[in-house]
N, C-alpha and C. Protein backbone atom coordinates (compact mmCIF):
# COMPACT_ATOMS: atom_id res chain seq x y z
N UNK A 1 -14.85 -8.11 -0.40
CA UNK A 1 -13.78 -7.33 0.21
C UNK A 1 -14.20 -6.96 1.63
N UNK A 2 -13.27 -7.08 2.53
CA UNK A 2 -13.56 -6.65 3.92
C UNK A 2 -12.97 -5.22 4.13
N UNK A 3 -13.72 -4.52 4.93
CA UNK A 3 -13.33 -3.15 5.30
C UNK A 3 -13.43 -2.92 6.76
N UNK A 4 -12.44 -2.38 7.37
CA UNK A 4 -12.44 -1.93 8.78
C UNK A 4 -12.91 -0.47 8.75
N UNK A 5 -14.01 -0.16 9.43
CA UNK A 5 -14.54 1.16 9.44
C UNK A 5 -14.71 1.72 10.84
N UNK A 6 -14.20 2.92 11.04
CA UNK A 6 -14.46 3.64 12.29
C UNK A 6 -15.50 4.73 11.99
N UNK A 7 -16.51 4.79 12.75
CA UNK A 7 -17.55 5.80 12.59
C UNK A 7 -17.69 6.55 13.92
N UNK A 8 -17.51 7.86 13.79
CA UNK A 8 -17.67 8.78 14.97
C UNK A 8 -18.87 9.66 14.71
N UNK A 9 -19.87 9.60 15.52
CA UNK A 9 -21.12 10.33 15.31
C UNK A 9 -21.06 11.65 16.10
N UNK A 10 -21.42 12.74 15.45
CA UNK A 10 -21.53 14.05 16.09
C UNK A 10 -22.83 14.72 15.69
N UNK A 11 -23.86 14.50 16.53
CA UNK A 11 -25.14 15.10 16.24
C UNK A 11 -25.03 16.59 16.64
N UNK A 12 -25.70 17.45 15.90
CA UNK A 12 -25.70 18.89 16.31
C UNK A 12 -26.37 19.08 17.71
N UNK A 13 -25.77 19.90 18.45
CA UNK A 13 -26.22 20.14 19.83
C UNK A 13 -27.66 20.70 19.82
N UNK A 14 -27.99 21.43 18.76
CA UNK A 14 -29.37 22.02 18.75
C UNK A 14 -30.43 21.11 18.02
N UNK A 15 -30.03 19.84 17.74
CA UNK A 15 -31.00 18.97 17.08
C UNK A 15 -32.08 18.63 18.10
N UNK A 16 -33.34 18.74 17.75
CA UNK A 16 -34.44 18.37 18.70
C UNK A 16 -34.30 16.87 19.01
N UNK A 17 -34.52 16.49 20.26
CA UNK A 17 -34.39 15.11 20.71
C UNK A 17 -35.26 14.16 19.91
N UNK A 18 -36.48 14.59 19.53
CA UNK A 18 -37.33 13.70 18.76
C UNK A 18 -36.79 13.43 17.34
N UNK A 19 -36.10 14.44 16.80
CA UNK A 19 -35.45 14.24 15.48
C UNK A 19 -34.32 13.28 15.61
N UNK A 20 -33.51 13.43 16.67
CA UNK A 20 -32.36 12.54 16.88
C UNK A 20 -32.88 11.10 17.13
N UNK A 21 -33.93 10.92 17.87
CA UNK A 21 -34.45 9.60 18.12
C UNK A 21 -35.00 8.90 16.83
N UNK A 22 -35.63 9.72 15.98
CA UNK A 22 -36.13 9.19 14.74
C UNK A 22 -35.00 8.70 13.77
N UNK A 23 -33.96 9.53 13.73
CA UNK A 23 -32.79 9.15 12.87
C UNK A 23 -32.08 7.92 13.44
N UNK A 24 -31.95 7.85 14.77
CA UNK A 24 -31.34 6.68 15.35
C UNK A 24 -32.17 5.40 15.10
N UNK A 25 -33.46 5.49 15.14
CA UNK A 25 -34.35 4.32 14.87
C UNK A 25 -34.17 3.89 13.42
N UNK A 26 -34.13 4.86 12.48
CA UNK A 26 -33.90 4.55 11.06
C UNK A 26 -32.54 3.91 10.90
N UNK A 27 -31.54 4.46 11.59
CA UNK A 27 -30.17 3.86 11.51
C UNK A 27 -30.19 2.43 11.94
N UNK A 28 -30.82 2.16 13.10
CA UNK A 28 -30.83 0.82 13.64
C UNK A 28 -31.47 -0.17 12.68
N UNK A 29 -32.62 0.24 12.09
CA UNK A 29 -33.28 -0.70 11.11
C UNK A 29 -32.41 -0.89 9.89
N UNK A 30 -31.73 0.13 9.35
CA UNK A 30 -30.84 -0.05 8.23
C UNK A 30 -29.67 -0.95 8.59
N UNK A 31 -29.11 -0.69 9.80
CA UNK A 31 -27.96 -1.51 10.22
C UNK A 31 -28.39 -3.03 10.32
N UNK A 32 -29.54 -3.27 10.96
CA UNK A 32 -29.94 -4.61 11.10
C UNK A 32 -30.20 -5.34 9.75
N UNK A 33 -30.76 -4.61 8.80
CA UNK A 33 -30.92 -5.18 7.49
C UNK A 33 -29.59 -5.53 6.82
N UNK A 34 -28.61 -4.59 6.95
CA UNK A 34 -27.28 -4.86 6.41
C UNK A 34 -26.57 -6.04 7.14
N UNK A 35 -26.84 -6.12 8.48
CA UNK A 35 -26.27 -7.24 9.25
C UNK A 35 -26.85 -8.53 8.77
N UNK A 36 -28.17 -8.57 8.60
CA UNK A 36 -28.82 -9.81 8.15
C UNK A 36 -28.37 -10.21 6.78
N UNK A 37 -28.07 -9.27 5.92
CA UNK A 37 -27.61 -9.56 4.54
C UNK A 37 -26.16 -10.03 4.52
N UNK A 38 -25.42 -9.87 5.62
CA UNK A 38 -24.01 -10.21 5.62
C UNK A 38 -23.07 -9.08 5.23
N UNK A 39 -23.64 -7.91 4.78
CA UNK A 39 -22.78 -6.80 4.43
C UNK A 39 -22.10 -6.15 5.61
N UNK A 40 -22.83 -6.06 6.72
CA UNK A 40 -22.24 -5.45 7.99
C UNK A 40 -21.96 -6.60 8.90
N UNK A 41 -20.72 -7.15 8.83
CA UNK A 41 -20.40 -8.42 9.53
C UNK A 41 -20.19 -8.24 11.02
N UNK A 42 -19.63 -7.17 11.48
CA UNK A 42 -19.32 -6.99 12.88
C UNK A 42 -19.47 -5.56 13.27
N UNK A 43 -19.79 -5.29 14.58
CA UNK A 43 -19.81 -3.92 15.11
C UNK A 43 -19.41 -4.00 16.57
N UNK A 44 -18.56 -3.07 16.96
CA UNK A 44 -18.11 -2.96 18.36
C UNK A 44 -18.22 -1.46 18.75
N UNK A 45 -18.71 -1.24 19.92
CA UNK A 45 -18.80 0.13 20.42
C UNK A 45 -17.38 0.52 21.01
N UNK A 46 -16.98 1.72 20.84
CA UNK A 46 -15.78 2.26 21.45
C UNK A 46 -16.20 2.90 22.80
N UNK A 47 -15.63 2.35 23.86
CA UNK A 47 -16.06 2.73 25.20
C UNK A 47 -15.88 4.24 25.43
N UNK A 48 -16.97 4.81 25.96
CA UNK A 48 -16.93 6.26 26.29
C UNK A 48 -17.10 7.21 25.16
N UNK A 49 -17.40 6.68 23.98
CA UNK A 49 -17.55 7.58 22.79
C UNK A 49 -18.82 7.18 22.07
N UNK A 50 -19.35 8.09 21.22
CA UNK A 50 -20.52 7.73 20.36
C UNK A 50 -19.83 7.33 19.04
N UNK A 51 -19.20 6.22 19.13
CA UNK A 51 -18.33 5.73 17.96
C UNK A 51 -18.41 4.22 17.92
N UNK A 52 -18.10 3.67 16.71
CA UNK A 52 -17.96 2.21 16.62
C UNK A 52 -16.92 1.83 15.62
N UNK A 53 -16.44 0.59 15.77
CA UNK A 53 -15.56 -0.04 14.83
C UNK A 53 -16.44 -1.14 14.18
N UNK A 54 -16.46 -1.18 12.88
CA UNK A 54 -17.27 -2.15 12.19
C UNK A 54 -16.46 -2.86 11.08
N UNK A 55 -16.89 -4.06 10.71
CA UNK A 55 -16.33 -4.74 9.58
C UNK A 55 -17.49 -4.94 8.56
N UNK A 56 -17.25 -4.36 7.36
CA UNK A 56 -18.14 -4.48 6.29
C UNK A 56 -17.61 -5.47 5.28
N UNK A 57 -18.50 -6.14 4.57
CA UNK A 57 -18.09 -7.06 3.45
C UNK A 57 -18.86 -6.57 2.26
N UNK A 58 -18.11 -5.86 1.36
CA UNK A 58 -18.72 -5.24 0.19
C UNK A 58 -18.04 -5.82 -1.08
N UNK A 59 -18.71 -5.84 -2.15
CA UNK A 59 -18.08 -6.34 -3.40
C UNK A 59 -17.07 -5.34 -4.02
N UNK A 60 -17.23 -4.09 -3.69
CA UNK A 60 -16.34 -3.09 -4.32
C UNK A 60 -16.28 -1.81 -3.47
N UNK A 61 -15.40 -0.96 -3.80
CA UNK A 61 -15.35 0.37 -3.09
C UNK A 61 -16.68 1.12 -3.35
N UNK A 62 -17.18 1.03 -4.59
CA UNK A 62 -18.42 1.66 -4.91
C UNK A 62 -19.61 1.25 -4.10
N UNK A 63 -19.71 -0.11 -3.91
CA UNK A 63 -20.75 -0.66 -3.10
C UNK A 63 -20.62 -0.19 -1.63
N UNK A 64 -19.39 -0.22 -1.13
CA UNK A 64 -19.24 0.23 0.26
C UNK A 64 -19.62 1.70 0.39
N UNK A 65 -19.24 2.54 -0.56
CA UNK A 65 -19.59 3.98 -0.52
C UNK A 65 -21.11 4.15 -0.54
N UNK A 66 -21.81 3.33 -1.31
CA UNK A 66 -23.25 3.43 -1.31
C UNK A 66 -23.87 2.98 -0.02
N UNK A 67 -23.38 1.88 0.56
CA UNK A 67 -23.88 1.38 1.82
C UNK A 67 -23.68 2.38 2.95
N UNK A 68 -22.51 2.98 3.00
CA UNK A 68 -22.20 3.96 4.05
C UNK A 68 -23.02 5.27 3.82
N UNK A 69 -23.05 5.67 2.56
CA UNK A 69 -23.75 6.90 2.21
C UNK A 69 -25.22 6.85 2.52
N UNK A 70 -25.79 5.66 2.56
CA UNK A 70 -27.24 5.51 2.86
C UNK A 70 -27.53 5.41 4.34
N UNK A 71 -26.51 5.50 5.17
CA UNK A 71 -26.73 5.46 6.62
C UNK A 71 -27.49 6.76 7.02
N UNK A 72 -28.61 6.66 7.71
CA UNK A 72 -29.30 7.88 8.18
C UNK A 72 -28.43 8.87 8.92
N UNK A 73 -27.45 8.33 9.68
CA UNK A 73 -26.56 9.20 10.51
C UNK A 73 -25.37 9.69 9.65
N UNK A 74 -25.22 9.28 8.38
CA UNK A 74 -24.10 9.64 7.61
C UNK A 74 -23.74 11.10 7.61
N UNK A 75 -24.70 12.04 7.50
CA UNK A 75 -24.35 13.48 7.47
C UNK A 75 -23.68 13.95 8.77
N UNK A 76 -23.82 13.14 9.83
CA UNK A 76 -23.29 13.51 11.18
C UNK A 76 -22.09 12.69 11.58
N UNK A 77 -21.47 12.03 10.62
CA UNK A 77 -20.38 11.08 10.96
C UNK A 77 -19.08 11.55 10.36
N UNK A 78 -18.06 11.21 11.11
CA UNK A 78 -16.67 11.23 10.56
C UNK A 78 -16.30 9.75 10.41
N UNK A 79 -15.93 9.41 9.16
CA UNK A 79 -15.72 7.95 8.85
C UNK A 79 -14.27 7.72 8.38
N UNK A 80 -13.71 6.68 8.87
CA UNK A 80 -12.35 6.26 8.45
C UNK A 80 -12.48 4.86 7.92
N UNK A 81 -12.02 4.58 6.73
CA UNK A 81 -12.14 3.27 6.12
C UNK A 81 -10.76 2.72 5.81
N UNK A 82 -10.53 1.49 6.21
CA UNK A 82 -9.35 0.75 5.92
C UNK A 82 -9.64 -0.55 5.24
N UNK A 83 -9.20 -0.72 3.95
CA UNK A 83 -9.48 -1.96 3.27
C UNK A 83 -8.61 -3.07 3.88
N UNK A 84 -9.16 -4.28 3.96
CA UNK A 84 -8.48 -5.41 4.60
C UNK A 84 -8.34 -6.54 3.57
N UNK A 85 -7.28 -7.36 3.80
CA UNK A 85 -7.13 -8.57 2.99
C UNK A 85 -6.77 -9.68 4.01
N UNK A 86 -6.99 -10.93 3.54
CA UNK A 86 -6.75 -12.09 4.39
C UNK A 86 -5.25 -12.20 4.69
N UNK A 87 -4.93 -12.44 5.96
CA UNK A 87 -3.56 -12.64 6.35
C UNK A 87 -3.19 -14.17 6.04
N UNK A 88 -2.07 -14.40 5.46
CA UNK A 88 -1.73 -15.79 5.08
C UNK A 88 -1.59 -16.73 6.29
N UNK A 89 -1.43 -16.22 7.49
CA UNK A 89 -1.30 -17.10 8.66
C UNK A 89 -2.63 -17.35 9.33
N UNK A 90 -3.73 -16.76 8.87
CA UNK A 90 -5.05 -16.89 9.50
C UNK A 90 -5.51 -18.35 9.39
N UNK A 91 -6.12 -18.82 10.47
CA UNK A 91 -6.73 -20.17 10.41
C UNK A 91 -8.17 -20.15 9.91
N UNK A 92 -8.70 -19.03 9.67
CA UNK A 92 -10.14 -18.87 9.31
C UNK A 92 -10.32 -18.63 7.81
N UNK A 93 -11.02 -19.55 7.19
CA UNK A 93 -11.21 -19.50 5.74
C UNK A 93 -12.11 -18.33 5.31
N UNK A 94 -12.92 -17.85 6.25
CA UNK A 94 -13.83 -16.76 5.85
C UNK A 94 -13.24 -15.37 6.03
N UNK A 95 -11.92 -15.31 6.22
CA UNK A 95 -11.21 -14.02 6.31
C UNK A 95 -10.85 -13.51 4.93
N UNK A 96 -11.86 -13.45 4.07
CA UNK A 96 -11.56 -13.03 2.69
C UNK A 96 -11.49 -11.53 2.61
C-alpha cells in the first residue's frame, strides 16, 4: 500500500545543538535504511520549511505506524497521512 505523508518537524527552541545534530544523524541513517528496503520510496523537501512530502510503501496501516513511530524525529513531528491507490489511467505498473 502506498501512502502520501507530510512531515513537519518542530524541534524545541531550547534543544541543545549537539542533541539536535545527534537526532538528525540517527534520522538520516534510519531513513536511508528504509529507502534501501523500498519502504520509503520517495522524499521531497518543501521549499522554505523544515518539512517533507514522502511516499511510503507499507504492507498495512500497522506497519506504516511502526515505521513512522520509529523515526528519531517522530516526537517533534506533525504528520499527515493520506492512503493512495493506483489510478486506472496510470501508465506505470508499479503504482500499486
